[in-house]
């Protein structure tokens, strides 16, 4: 592996695993379609631990550490090149330091901007087209993105290195942005090529490049069918658990309300309600289909925002 001398106004694209595999799938697809060349691998250093060894024929061999791969693509139109970083895993420790090492490397290659991909879980119905939300570390970058069909994420958090890298870049003078593909909250542990497709459509429009998205579009057909079947099973399971009320309503059309949209705060929960919520959390950890019943109860009590991080963590652990 070797690096060519100089790149033209390059951007760094960085992805790691996350919800729905949205970022990693989009980054990998971009590398394949552009036929970007592997030029480097960043050393694991103190970011990863070796947790096992491989044994074959009685001979022990070191296990494979997660790779941190760097690809480069040179624009045939001589406009803007790309440095594409793909991490097979997020570092177990020292993530912020790792991000700074990656930014150091990017600056050595002349990178002028940092872009990451990520996912955002909402109440999106699987048959609807996902939106792409955007955040940036500089106002001009957001203004650049707005004509390309994004919605600005006004408030919230981006967990993991897909967000932390932007902070590291900003500290070293590199503006950046994150594109977040929307996916249904009940399926964050399921690969979601539809969200990856939406992210790449925005990114390629922004970059002014064209790639063949046909294969990704084909994958979305099978995914959508599978998620609709999963949704029906979860509805049926939740209905059986609806305590004989004979009524069930699953809200999976719109994202959770923002702070401005929530209206007056819900009344404080009594101890009985909180115990019931904890019981539903315990059941959902064992059987993910019961998460729909939990979501329904949190919505009924008006406290979903209070428990939102814990709710989404149920699905993250299922990945």
C-alpha atoms as a PDB file:
ATOM      1  CA  UNK A   1       0.000   0.000   0.000  1.00  0.00           C
ATOM      2  CA  UNK A   2       1.343   3.391  -0.912  1.00  0.00           C
ATOM      3  CA  UNK A   3       0.041   6.923  -0.997  1.00  0.00           C
ATOM      4  CA  UNK A   4       0.289   9.099  -4.062  1.00  0.00           C
ATOM      5  CA  UNK A   5       1.875  12.485  -3.587  1.00  0.00           C
ATOM      6  CA  UNK A   6      -0.794  15.153  -3.638  1.00  0.00           C
ATOM      7  CA  UNK A   7      -4.601  15.268  -3.597  1.00  0.00           C
ATOM      8  CA  UNK A   8      -6.829  18.012  -4.994  1.00  0.00           C
ATOM      9  CA  UNK A   9      -8.861  19.816  -2.316  1.00  0.00           C
ATOM     10  CA  UNK A  10      -9.747  16.471  -0.664  1.00  0.00           C
ATOM     11  CA  UNK A  11     -12.521  15.791   1.818  1.00  0.00           C
ATOM     12  CA  UNK A  12     -12.341  13.123   4.497  1.00  0.00           C
ATOM     13  CA  UNK A  13     -15.319  10.745   4.635  1.00  0.00           C
ATOM     14  CA  UNK A  14     -15.321   8.629   7.796  1.00  0.00           C
ATOM     15  CA  UNK A  15     -17.670   5.837   8.868  1.00  0.00           C
ATOM     16  CA  UNK A  16     -17.952   3.299  11.664  1.00  0.00           C
ATOM     17  CA  UNK A  17     -20.574   0.668  12.551  1.00  0.00           C
ATOM     18  CA  UNK A  18     -23.779   1.981  14.103  1.00  0.00           C
ATOM     19  CA  UNK A  19     -27.572   1.725  14.030  1.00  0.00           C
ATOM     20  CA  UNK A  20     -28.902  -0.068  10.978  1.00  0.00           C
ATOM     21  CA  UNK A  21     -25.350  -0.321   9.629  1.00  0.00           C
ATOM     22  CA  UNK A  22     -26.299   2.857   7.765  1.00  0.00           C
ATOM     23  CA  UNK A  23     -22.924   4.602   7.855  1.00  0.00           C
ATOM     24  CA  UNK A  24     -20.725   1.565   7.254  1.00  0.00           C
ATOM     25  CA  UNK A  25     -22.853   0.325   4.346  1.00  0.00           C
ATOM     26  CA  UNK A  26     -22.883   3.770   2.725  1.00  0.00           C
ATOM     27  CA  UNK A  27     -19.126   4.168   3.096  1.00  0.00           C
ATOM     28  CA  UNK A  28     -18.390   0.682   1.790  1.00  0.00           C
ATOM     29  CA  UNK A  29     -20.700   1.174  -1.185  1.00  0.00           C
ATOM     30  CA  UNK A  30     -19.030   4.482  -1.982  1.00  0.00           C
ATOM     31  CA  UNK A  31     -15.596   2.838  -1.948  1.00  0.00           C
ATOM     32  CA  UNK A  32     -16.767   0.019  -4.232  1.00  0.00           C
ATOM     33  CA  UNK A  33     -18.508   2.238  -6.758  1.00  0.00           C
ATOM     34  CA  UNK A  34     -15.660   4.736  -6.969  1.00  0.00           C
ATOM     35  CA  UNK A  35     -13.090   1.917  -7.017  1.00  0.00           C
ATOM     36  CA  UNK A  36     -11.161   3.821  -4.366  1.00  0.00           C
ATOM     37  CA  UNK A  37      -7.744   2.409  -3.565  1.00  0.00           C
ATOM     38  CA  UNK A  38      -6.680   1.122  -0.157  1.00  0.00           C
ATOM     39  CA  UNK A  39      -3.606   3.183   0.730  1.00  0.00           C
ATOM     40  CA  UNK A  40      -3.143   2.811   4.470  1.00  0.00           C
ATOM     41  CA  UNK A  41      -4.298   1.203   7.701  1.00  0.00           C
ATOM     42  CA  UNK A  42      -4.088   3.121  10.939  1.00  0.00           C
ATOM     43  CA  UNK A  43      -2.486   1.054  13.722  1.00  0.00           C
ATOM     44  CA  UNK A  44      -4.763  -0.125  16.569  1.00  0.00           C
ATOM     45  CA  UNK A  45      -2.326   1.183  19.218  1.00  0.00           C
ATOM     46  CA  UNK A  46      -4.194   1.541  22.518  1.00  0.00           C
ATOM     47  CA  UNK A  47      -7.671   1.704  20.972  1.00  0.00           C
ATOM     48  CA  UNK A  48      -8.416  -2.022  20.770  1.00  0.00           C
ATOM     49  CA  UNK A  49      -7.722  -5.055  22.948  1.00  0.00           C
ATOM     50  CA  UNK A  50      -6.978  -8.545  21.680  1.00  0.00           C
ATOM     51  CA  UNK A  51      -9.706 -10.628  23.337  1.00  0.00           C
ATOM     52  CA  UNK A  52      -9.058 -14.077  21.868  1.00  0.00           C
ATOM     53  CA  UNK A  53      -6.678 -16.175  19.797  1.00  0.00           C
ATOM     54  CA  UNK A  54      -7.434 -18.527  16.914  1.00  0.00           C
ATOM     55  CA  UNK A  55      -6.579 -22.213  17.262  1.00  0.00           C
ATOM     56  CA  UNK A  56      -6.207 -24.454  14.198  1.00  0.00           C
ATOM     57  CA  UNK A  57      -4.697 -27.908  14.313  1.00  0.00           C
ATOM     58  CA  UNK A  58      -3.498 -27.274  17.828  1.00  0.00           C
ATOM     59  CA  UNK A  59      -1.561 -24.182  16.796  1.00  0.00           C
ATOM     60  CA  UNK A  60      -2.505 -20.875  18.395  1.00  0.00           C
ATOM     61  CA  UNK A  61      -2.474 -17.757  16.270  1.00  0.00           C
ATOM     62  CA  UNK A  62      -3.258 -14.142  17.186  1.00  0.00           C
ATOM     63  CA  UNK A  63      -6.844 -13.074  16.584  1.00  0.00           C
ATOM     64  CA  UNK A  64      -7.700 -10.426  14.017  1.00  0.00           C
ATOM     65  CA  UNK A  65      -7.857  -6.887  15.364  1.00  0.00           C
ATOM     66  CA  UNK A  66     -10.475  -4.542  13.867  1.00  0.00           C
ATOM     67  CA  UNK A  67      -9.054  -2.729  10.866  1.00  0.00           C
ATOM     68  CA  UNK A  68      -9.030   1.032  10.375  1.00  0.00           C
ATOM     69  CA  UNK A  69      -8.678   1.375   6.607  1.00  0.00           C
ATOM     70  CA  UNK A  70      -7.941   4.442   4.519  1.00  0.00           C
ATOM     71  CA  UNK A  71      -8.909   4.616   0.847  1.00  0.00           C
ATOM     72  CA  UNK A  72      -8.264   7.365  -1.656  1.00  0.00           C
ATOM     73  CA  UNK A  73     -10.144   8.345  -4.802  1.00  0.00           C
ATOM     74  CA  UNK A  74      -8.896  10.764  -7.397  1.00  0.00           C
ATOM     75  CA  UNK A  75     -11.598  12.659  -9.235  1.00  0.00           C
ATOM     76  CA  UNK A  76     -11.159  12.115 -12.993  1.00  0.00           C
ATOM     77  CA  UNK A  77     -12.683  15.555 -13.501  1.00  0.00           C
ATOM     78  CA  UNK A  78      -9.872  17.053 -11.407  1.00  0.00           C
ATOM     79  CA  UNK A  79     -12.317  18.801  -9.077  1.00  0.00           C
ATOM     80  CA  UNK A  80     -12.132  17.239  -5.628  1.00  0.00           C
ATOM     81  CA  UNK A  81     -10.554  14.009  -4.385  1.00  0.00           C
ATOM     82  CA  UNK A  82     -11.708  11.912  -1.447  1.00  0.00           C
ATOM     83  CA  UNK A  83     -10.025  10.249   1.491  1.00  0.00           C
ATOM     84  CA  UNK A  84     -12.421   7.573   2.763  1.00  0.00           C
ATOM     85  CA  UNK A  85     -11.875   6.068   6.199  1.00  0.00           C
ATOM     86  CA  UNK A  86     -13.692   2.852   7.131  1.00  0.00           C
ATOM     87  CA  UNK A  87     -13.410   1.560  10.678  1.00  0.00           C
ATOM     88  CA  UNK A  88     -14.523  -2.027  11.275  1.00  0.00           C
ATOM     89  CA  UNK A  89     -15.225  -1.194  14.924  1.00  0.00           C
ATOM     90  CA  UNK A  90     -15.350   1.847  17.146  1.00  0.00           C
ATOM     91  CA  UNK A  91     -12.414   1.961  19.585  1.00  0.00           C
ATOM     92  CA  UNK A  92     -13.163   0.524  23.016  1.00  0.00           C
ATOM     93  CA  UNK A  93     -11.097   3.213  24.725  1.00  0.00           C
ATOM     94  CA  UNK A  94      -9.449   6.459  23.715  1.00  0.00           C
ATOM     95  CA  UNK A  95     -11.975   7.286  21.004  1.00  0.00           C
ATOM     96  CA  UNK A  96     -11.353  11.024  21.156  1.00  0.00           C
ATOM     97  CA  UNK A  97      -7.590  10.529  20.913  1.00  0.00           C
ATOM     98  CA  UNK A  98      -8.140   8.160  17.985  1.00  0.00           C
ATOM     99  CA  UNK A  99     -10.187  10.848  16.229  1.00  0.00           C
ATOM    100  CA  UNK A 100      -7.380  13.340  16.678  1.00  0.00           C
ATOM    101  CA  UNK A 101      -4.901  10.860  15.183  1.00  0.00           C
ATOM    102  CA  UNK A 102      -7.217  10.407  12.211  1.00  0.00           C
ATOM    103  CA  UNK A 103      -7.494  14.195  11.799  1.00  0.00           C
ATOM    104  CA  UNK A 104      -3.703  14.490  11.984  1.00  0.00           C
ATOM    105  CA  UNK A 105      -3.430  11.952   9.196  1.00  0.00           C
ATOM    106  CA  UNK A 106      -6.138  13.693   7.154  1.00  0.00           C
ATOM    107  CA  UNK A 107      -4.363  17.033   7.440  1.00  0.00           C
ATOM    108  CA  UNK A 108      -1.150  15.391   6.232  1.00  0.00           C
ATOM    109  CA  UNK A 109      -3.086  14.446   3.077  1.00  0.00           C
ATOM    110  CA  UNK A 110      -4.353  18.006   2.616  1.00  0.00           C
ATOM    111  CA  UNK A 111      -7.949  17.386   3.711  1.00  0.00           C
ATOM    112  CA  UNK A 112     -10.049  20.546   3.916  1.00  0.00           C
ATOM    113  CA  UNK A 113     -13.341  19.177   5.271  1.00  0.00           C
ATOM    114  CA  UNK A 114     -14.601  16.289   7.402  1.00  0.00           C
ATOM    115  CA  UNK A 115     -17.827  14.410   6.607  1.00  0.00           C
ATOM    116  CA  UNK A 116     -19.318  11.532   8.578  1.00  0.00           C
ATOM    117  CA  UNK A 117     -22.397   9.373   8.023  1.00  0.00           C
ATOM    118  CA  UNK A 118     -24.720   8.189  10.789  1.00  0.00           C
ATOM    119  CA  UNK A 119     -28.315   7.107  11.498  1.00  0.00           C
ATOM    120  CA  UNK A 120     -31.256   8.691  13.282  1.00  0.00           C
ATOM    121  CA  UNK A 121     -34.034   6.502  14.711  1.00  0.00           C
ATOM    122  CA  UNK A 122     -37.553   7.940  14.460  1.00  0.00           C
ATOM    123  CA  UNK A 123     -41.125   6.691  14.177  1.00  0.00           C
ATOM    124  CA  UNK A 124     -40.685   6.347  10.406  1.00  0.00           C
ATOM    125  CA  UNK A 125     -42.956   3.776   8.772  1.00  0.00           C
ATOM    126  CA  UNK A 126     -40.818   1.304   6.762  1.00  0.00           C
ATOM    127  CA  UNK A 127     -42.782   1.987   3.560  1.00  0.00           C
ATOM    128  CA  UNK A 128     -42.002   5.726   3.680  1.00  0.00           C
ATOM    129  CA  UNK A 129     -38.901   7.353   2.208  1.00  0.00           C
ATOM    130  CA  UNK A 130     -36.339   8.220   4.884  1.00  0.00           C
ATOM    131  CA  UNK A 131     -35.239  11.784   5.369  1.00  0.00           C
ATOM    132  CA  UNK A 132     -31.616  12.827   5.712  1.00  0.00           C
ATOM    133  CA  UNK A 133     -30.791  15.140   8.580  1.00  0.00           C
ATOM    134  CA  UNK A 134     -27.656  17.253   8.690  1.00  0.00           C
ATOM    135  CA  UNK A 135     -25.534  18.942  11.311  1.00  0.00           C
ATOM    136  CA  UNK A 136     -22.375  20.940  10.709  1.00  0.00           C
ATOM    137  CA  UNK A 137     -19.655  22.682  12.658  1.00  0.00           C
ATOM    138  CA  UNK A 138     -19.916  25.856  10.569  1.00  0.00           C
ATOM    139  CA  UNK A 139     -22.897  27.830   9.309  1.00  0.00           C
ATOM    140  CA  UNK A 140     -21.679  28.002   5.676  1.00  0.00           C
ATOM    141  CA  UNK A 141     -21.540  24.205   5.488  1.00  0.00           C
ATOM    142  CA  UNK A 142     -25.185  23.887   6.538  1.00  0.00           C
ATOM    143  CA  UNK A 143     -26.134  26.471   3.918  1.00  0.00           C
ATOM    144  CA  UNK A 144     -24.314  24.415   1.286  1.00  0.00           C
ATOM    145  CA  UNK A 145     -26.290  21.318   2.256  1.00  0.00           C
ATOM    146  CA  UNK A 146     -29.779  22.810   2.378  1.00  0.00           C
ATOM    147  CA  UNK A 147     -30.357  22.785  -1.429  1.00  0.00           C
ATOM    148  CA  UNK A 148     -29.629  19.039  -1.516  1.00  0.00           C
ATOM    149  CA  UNK A 149     -32.731  17.879   0.331  1.00  0.00           C
ATOM    150  CA  UNK A 150     -31.563  17.686   3.931  1.00  0.00           C
ATOM    151  CA  UNK A 151     -33.365  18.707   7.080  1.00  0.00           C
ATOM    152  CA  UNK A 152     -31.282  20.485   9.685  1.00  0.00           C
ATOM    153  CA  UNK A 153     -31.146  18.636  13.003  1.00  0.00           C
ATOM    154  CA  UNK A 154     -31.843  21.562  15.302  1.00  0.00           C
ATOM    155  CA  UNK A 155     -31.218  19.780  18.610  1.00  0.00           C
ATOM    156  CA  UNK A 156     -30.004  16.422  19.867  1.00  0.00           C
ATOM    157  CA  UNK A 157     -26.854  14.343  20.147  1.00  0.00           C
ATOM    158  CA  UNK A 158     -24.765  12.201  17.796  1.00  0.00           C
ATOM    159  CA  UNK A 159     -23.319   9.282  19.683  1.00  0.00           C
ATOM    160  CA  UNK A 160     -20.069   7.564  18.799  1.00  0.00           C
ATOM    161  CA  UNK A 161     -17.170   8.617  16.659  1.00  0.00           C
ATOM    162  CA  UNK A 162     -19.437   9.642  13.780  1.00  0.00           C
ATOM    163  CA  UNK A 163     -20.081  12.709  15.926  1.00  0.00           C
ATOM    164  CA  UNK A 164     -16.857  12.954  17.948  1.00  0.00           C
ATOM    165  CA  UNK A 165     -14.727  13.181  14.805  1.00  0.00           C
ATOM    166  CA  UNK A 166     -16.426  16.465  13.917  1.00  0.00           C
ATOM    167  CA  UNK A 167     -15.335  17.928  17.248  1.00  0.00           C
ATOM    168  CA  UNK A 168     -11.765  16.748  16.734  1.00  0.00           C
ATOM    169  CA  UNK A 169     -11.737  18.253  13.244  1.00  0.00           C
ATOM    170  CA  UNK A 170     -13.096  21.565  14.455  1.00  0.00           C
ATOM    171  CA  UNK A 171     -10.381  21.767  17.118  1.00  0.00           C
ATOM    172  CA  UNK A 172      -7.808  21.445  14.361  1.00  0.00           C
ATOM    173  CA  UNK A 173      -9.443  23.973  12.072  1.00  0.00           C
ATOM    174  CA  UNK A 174     -11.342  21.607   9.749  1.00  0.00           C
ATOM    175  CA  UNK A 175     -15.055  22.332   9.254  1.00  0.00           C
ATOM    176  CA  UNK A 176     -17.288  19.290   9.044  1.00  0.00           C
ATOM    177  CA  UNK A 177     -20.758  17.854   8.691  1.00  0.00           C
ATOM    178  CA  UNK A 178     -22.657  14.702   9.533  1.00  0.00           C
ATOM    179  CA  UNK A 179     -25.412  13.242   7.332  1.00  0.00           C
ATOM    180  CA  UNK A 180     -27.885  11.111   9.280  1.00  0.00           C
ATOM    181  CA  UNK A 181     -30.167   8.666   7.481  1.00  0.00           C
ATOM    182  CA  UNK A 182     -33.592   8.159   9.067  1.00  0.00           C
ATOM    183  CA  UNK A 183     -34.693   4.637   9.996  1.00  0.00           C
ATOM    184  CA  UNK A 184     -37.550   3.074  12.033  1.00  0.00           C
ATOM    185  CA  UNK A 185     -36.860   2.937  15.769  1.00  0.00           C
ATOM    186  CA  UNK A 186     -38.124  -0.657  16.038  1.00  0.00           C
ATOM    187  CA  UNK A 187     -35.520  -1.947  13.571  1.00  0.00           C
ATOM    188  CA  UNK A 188     -32.272  -0.177  14.473  1.00  0.00           C
ATOM    189  CA  UNK A 189     -30.539  -3.547  14.798  1.00  0.00           C
ATOM    190  CA  UNK A 190     -31.435  -4.516  11.206  1.00  0.00           C
ATOM    191  CA  UNK A 191     -29.274  -3.419   8.238  1.00  0.00           C
ATOM    192  CA  UNK A 192     -31.086  -0.584   6.487  1.00  0.00           C
ATOM    193  CA  UNK A 193     -29.878  -0.011   2.903  1.00  0.00           C
ATOM    194  CA  UNK A 194     -32.778   2.388   2.319  1.00  0.00           C
ATOM    195  CA  UNK A 195     -31.282   4.864   4.800  1.00  0.00           C
ATOM    196  CA  UNK A 196     -27.797   4.311   3.347  1.00  0.00           C
ATOM    197  CA  UNK A 197     -29.195   5.043  -0.104  1.00  0.00           C
ATOM    198  CA  UNK A 198     -30.770   8.293   1.096  1.00  0.00           C
ATOM    199  CA  UNK A 199     -27.468   9.415   2.642  1.00  0.00           C
ATOM    200  CA  UNK A 200     -25.520   8.649  -0.532  1.00  0.00           C
ATOM    201  CA  UNK A 201     -28.050  10.455  -2.710  1.00  0.00           C
ATOM    202  CA  UNK A 202     -27.558  13.609  -0.661  1.00  0.00           C
ATOM    203  CA  UNK A 203     -23.792  13.215  -0.472  1.00  0.00           C
ATOM    204  CA  UNK A 204     -23.247  12.642  -4.195  1.00  0.00           C
ATOM    205  CA  UNK A 205     -25.524  15.565  -5.031  1.00  0.00           C
ATOM    206  CA  UNK A 206     -23.546  17.763  -2.655  1.00  0.00           C
ATOM    207  CA  UNK A 207     -20.221  16.558  -4.063  1.00  0.00           C
ATOM    208  CA  UNK A 208     -21.387  16.830  -7.661  1.00  0.00           C
ATOM    209  CA  UNK A 209     -20.415  13.248  -8.505  1.00  0.00           C
ATOM    210  CA  UNK A 210     -22.383  10.347  -9.947  1.00  0.00           C
ATOM    211  CA  UNK A 211     -22.281   6.712  -8.839  1.00  0.00           C
ATOM    212  CA  UNK A 212     -24.428   3.722  -9.774  1.00  0.00           C
ATOM    213  CA  UNK A 213     -26.993   3.259  -6.982  1.00  0.00           C
ATOM    214  CA  UNK A 214     -28.938   0.451  -8.688  1.00  0.00           C
ATOM    215  CA  UNK A 215     -27.688  -2.356  -6.429  1.00  0.00           C
ATOM    216  CA  UNK A 216     -28.477  -0.402  -3.290  1.00  0.00           C
ATOM    217  CA  UNK A 217     -31.954   0.332  -4.629  1.00  0.00           C
ATOM    218  CA  UNK A 218     -32.509  -3.395  -5.220  1.00  0.00           C
ATOM    219  CA  UNK A 219     -31.509  -4.142  -1.646  1.00  0.00           C
ATOM    220  CA  UNK A 220     -34.094  -1.694  -0.320  1.00  0.00           C
ATOM    221  CA  UNK A 221     -36.955  -3.692  -1.872  1.00  0.00           C
ATOM    222  CA  UNK A 222     -36.172  -6.846   0.119  1.00  0.00           C
ATOM    223  CA  UNK A 223     -35.459  -4.825   3.256  1.00  0.00           C
ATOM    224  CA  UNK A 224     -38.767  -2.975   3.088  1.00  0.00           C
ATOM    225  CA  UNK A 225     -40.692  -6.221   2.668  1.00  0.00           C
ATOM    226  CA  UNK A 226     -38.908  -7.752   5.649  1.00  0.00           C
ATOM    227  CA  UNK A 227     -39.495  -4.740   7.897  1.00  0.00           C
ATOM    228  CA  UNK A 228     -43.192  -4.638   7.030  1.00  0.00           C
ATOM    229  CA  UNK A 229     -43.479  -8.303   8.039  1.00  0.00           C
ATOM    230  CA  UNK A 230     -41.583  -7.599  11.267  1.00  0.00           C
ATOM    231  CA  UNK A 231     -43.839  -4.648  12.018  1.00  0.00           C
ATOM    232  CA  UNK A 232     -46.961  -6.775  11.596  1.00  0.00           C
ATOM    233  CA  UNK A 233     -45.548  -9.440  13.936  1.00  0.00           C
ATOM    234  CA  UNK A 234     -44.698  -6.813  16.537  1.00  0.00           C
ATOM    235  CA  UNK A 235     -48.172  -5.309  16.266  1.00  0.00           C
ATOM    236  CA  UNK A 236     -49.720  -8.730  16.759  1.00  0.00           C
ATOM    237  CA  UNK A 237     -47.504  -9.429  19.771  1.00  0.00           C
ATOM    238  CA  UNK A 238     -48.317  -6.060  21.300  1.00  0.00           C
ATOM    239  CA  UNK A 239     -52.031  -6.590  20.742  1.00  0.00           C
ATOM    240  CA  UNK A 240     -51.879  -9.854  22.672  1.00  0.00           C
ATOM    241  CA  UNK A 241     -50.229  -7.954  25.531  1.00  0.00           C
ATOM    242  CA  UNK A 242     -52.714  -5.085  25.531  1.00  0.00           C
ATOM    243  CA  UNK A 243     -54.395  -6.336  28.713  1.00  0.00           C
ATOM    244  CA  UNK A 244     -57.649  -7.254  27.018  1.00  0.00           C
ATOM    245  CA  UNK A 245     -58.495  -3.687  26.082  1.00  0.00           C
ATOM    246  CA  UNK A 246     -59.201  -4.658  22.492  1.00  0.00           C
ATOM    247  CA  UNK A 247     -57.491  -1.483  21.283  1.00  0.00           C
ATOM    248  CA  UNK A 248     -54.038  -0.979  19.884  1.00  0.00           C
ATOM    249  CA  UNK A 249     -52.427   1.962  18.163  1.00  0.00           C
ATOM    250  CA  UNK A 250     -48.796   1.916  17.116  1.00  0.00           C
ATOM    251  CA  UNK A 251     -47.402   5.338  16.272  1.00  0.00           C
ATOM    252  CA  UNK A 252     -44.816   4.893  13.537  1.00  0.00           C
ATOM    253  CA  UNK A 253     -45.470   7.772  11.204  1.00  0.00           C
ATOM    254  CA  UNK A 254     -43.619  10.829  12.466  1.00  0.00           C
ATOM    255  CA  UNK A 255     -40.466  11.508  14.475  1.00  0.00           C
ATOM    256  CA  UNK A 256     -40.767  12.112  18.174  1.00  0.00           C
ATOM    257  CA  UNK A 257     -41.702  15.699  18.963  1.00  0.00           C
ATOM    258  CA  UNK A 258     -38.945  18.216  19.509  1.00  0.00           C
ATOM    259  CA  UNK A 259     -38.784  20.338  22.629  1.00  0.00           C
ATOM    260  CA  UNK A 260     -40.736  23.093  20.849  1.00  0.00           C
ATOM    261  CA  UNK A 261     -43.463  20.688  19.725  1.00  0.00           C
ATOM    262  CA  UNK A 262     -44.043  18.688  22.879  1.00  0.00           C
ATOM    263  CA  UNK A 263     -46.516  21.045  24.506  1.00  0.00           C
ATOM    264  CA  UNK A 264     -46.999  21.129  28.288  1.00  0.00           C
ATOM    265  CA  UNK A 265     -44.922  18.611  30.281  1.00  0.00           C
ATOM    266  CA  UNK A 266     -46.556  15.354  31.333  1.00  0.00           C
ATOM    267  CA  UNK A 267     -47.622  15.053  34.986  1.00  0.00           C
ATOM    268  CA  UNK A 268     -45.088  13.321  37.261  1.00  0.00           C
ATOM    269  CA  UNK A 269     -45.290   9.528  37.228  1.00  0.00           C
ATOM    270  CA  UNK A 270     -46.330   7.756  40.378  1.00  0.00           C
ATOM    271  CA  UNK A 271     -44.373   4.797  41.714  1.00  0.00           C
ATOM    272  CA  UNK A 272     -46.786   2.251  40.259  1.00  0.00           C
ATOM    273  CA  UNK A 273     -46.385   3.639  36.732  1.00  0.00           C
ATOM    274  CA  UNK A 274     -42.599   3.685  37.019  1.00  0.00           C
ATOM    275  CA  UNK A 275     -42.544   0.079  38.229  1.00  0.00           C
ATOM    276  CA  UNK A 276     -44.708  -0.928  35.279  1.00  0.00           C
ATOM    277  CA  UNK A 277     -42.337   0.833  32.884  1.00  0.00           C
ATOM    278  CA  UNK A 278     -39.370  -1.006  34.406  1.00  0.00           C
ATOM    279  CA  UNK A 279     -41.223  -4.308  34.027  1.00  0.00           C
ATOM    280  CA  UNK A 280     -41.865  -3.545  30.360  1.00  0.00           C
ATOM    281  CA  UNK A 281     -38.188  -2.689  29.873  1.00  0.00           C
ATOM    282  CA  UNK A 282     -37.211  -6.036  31.407  1.00  0.00           C
ATOM    283  CA  UNK A 283     -39.611  -7.868  29.079  1.00  0.00           C
ATOM    284  CA  UNK A 284     -38.340  -5.969  26.019  1.00  0.00           C
ATOM    285  CA  UNK A 285     -34.739  -6.882  26.825  1.00  0.00           C
ATOM    286  CA  UNK A 286     -35.729 -10.552  26.635  1.00  0.00           C
ATOM    287  CA  UNK A 287     -38.104 -10.291  23.661  1.00  0.00           C
ATOM    288  CA  UNK A 288     -37.614  -7.339  21.317  1.00  0.00           C
ATOM    289  CA  UNK A 289     -41.162  -7.623  19.962  1.00  0.00           C
ATOM    290  CA  UNK A 290     -42.420  -6.469  23.377  1.00  0.00           C
ATOM    291  CA  UNK A 291     -40.699  -3.126  22.785  1.00  0.00           C
ATOM    292  CA  UNK A 292     -43.754  -2.020  20.833  1.00  0.00           C
ATOM    293  CA  UNK A 293     -45.911  -2.443  23.937  1.00  0.00           C
ATOM    294  CA  UNK A 294     -43.312  -0.487  25.920  1.00  0.00           C
ATOM    295  CA  UNK A 295     -43.336   2.320  23.336  1.00  0.00           C
ATOM    296  CA  UNK A 296     -47.122   2.456  23.431  1.00  0.00           C
ATOM    297  CA  UNK A 297     -47.097   2.797  27.216  1.00  0.00           C
ATOM    298  CA  UNK A 298     -44.425   5.521  27.197  1.00  0.00           C
ATOM    299  CA  UNK A 299     -46.436   7.463  24.601  1.00  0.00           C
ATOM    300  CA  UNK A 300     -49.666   7.027  26.573  1.00  0.00           C
ATOM    301  CA  UNK A 301     -47.999   8.425  29.686  1.00  0.00           C
ATOM    302  CA  UNK A 302     -46.301  11.216  27.711  1.00  0.00           C
ATOM    303  CA  UNK A 303     -42.806  10.271  28.915  1.00  0.00           C
ATOM    304  CA  UNK A 304     -41.150   8.808  25.830  1.00  0.00           C
ATOM    305  CA  UNK A 305     -38.593  11.644  25.677  1.00  0.00           C
ATOM    306  CA  UNK A 306     -37.569  10.897  29.267  1.00  0.00           C
ATOM    307  CA  UNK A 307     -36.889   7.253  28.429  1.00  0.00           C
ATOM    308  CA  UNK A 308     -35.858   7.651  24.782  1.00  0.00           C
ATOM    309  CA  UNK A 309     -32.127   6.887  25.214  1.00  0.00           C
ATOM    310  CA  UNK A 310     -32.848   3.742  27.226  1.00  0.00           C
ATOM    311  CA  UNK A 311     -35.463   2.659  24.692  1.00  0.00           C
ATOM    312  CA  UNK A 312     -33.073   2.975  21.736  1.00  0.00           C
ATOM    313  CA  UNK A 313     -30.346   1.213  23.719  1.00  0.00           C
ATOM    314  CA  UNK A 314     -32.546  -1.904  23.683  1.00  0.00           C
ATOM    315  CA  UNK A 315     -32.050  -2.113  19.938  1.00  0.00           C
ATOM    316  CA  UNK A 316     -28.395  -1.123  19.956  1.00  0.00           C
ATOM    317  CA  UNK A 317     -27.643  -4.099  22.201  1.00  0.00           C
ATOM    318  CA  UNK A 318     -29.443  -6.336  19.760  1.00  0.00           C
ATOM    319  CA  UNK A 319     -26.974  -5.562  16.949  1.00  0.00           C
END
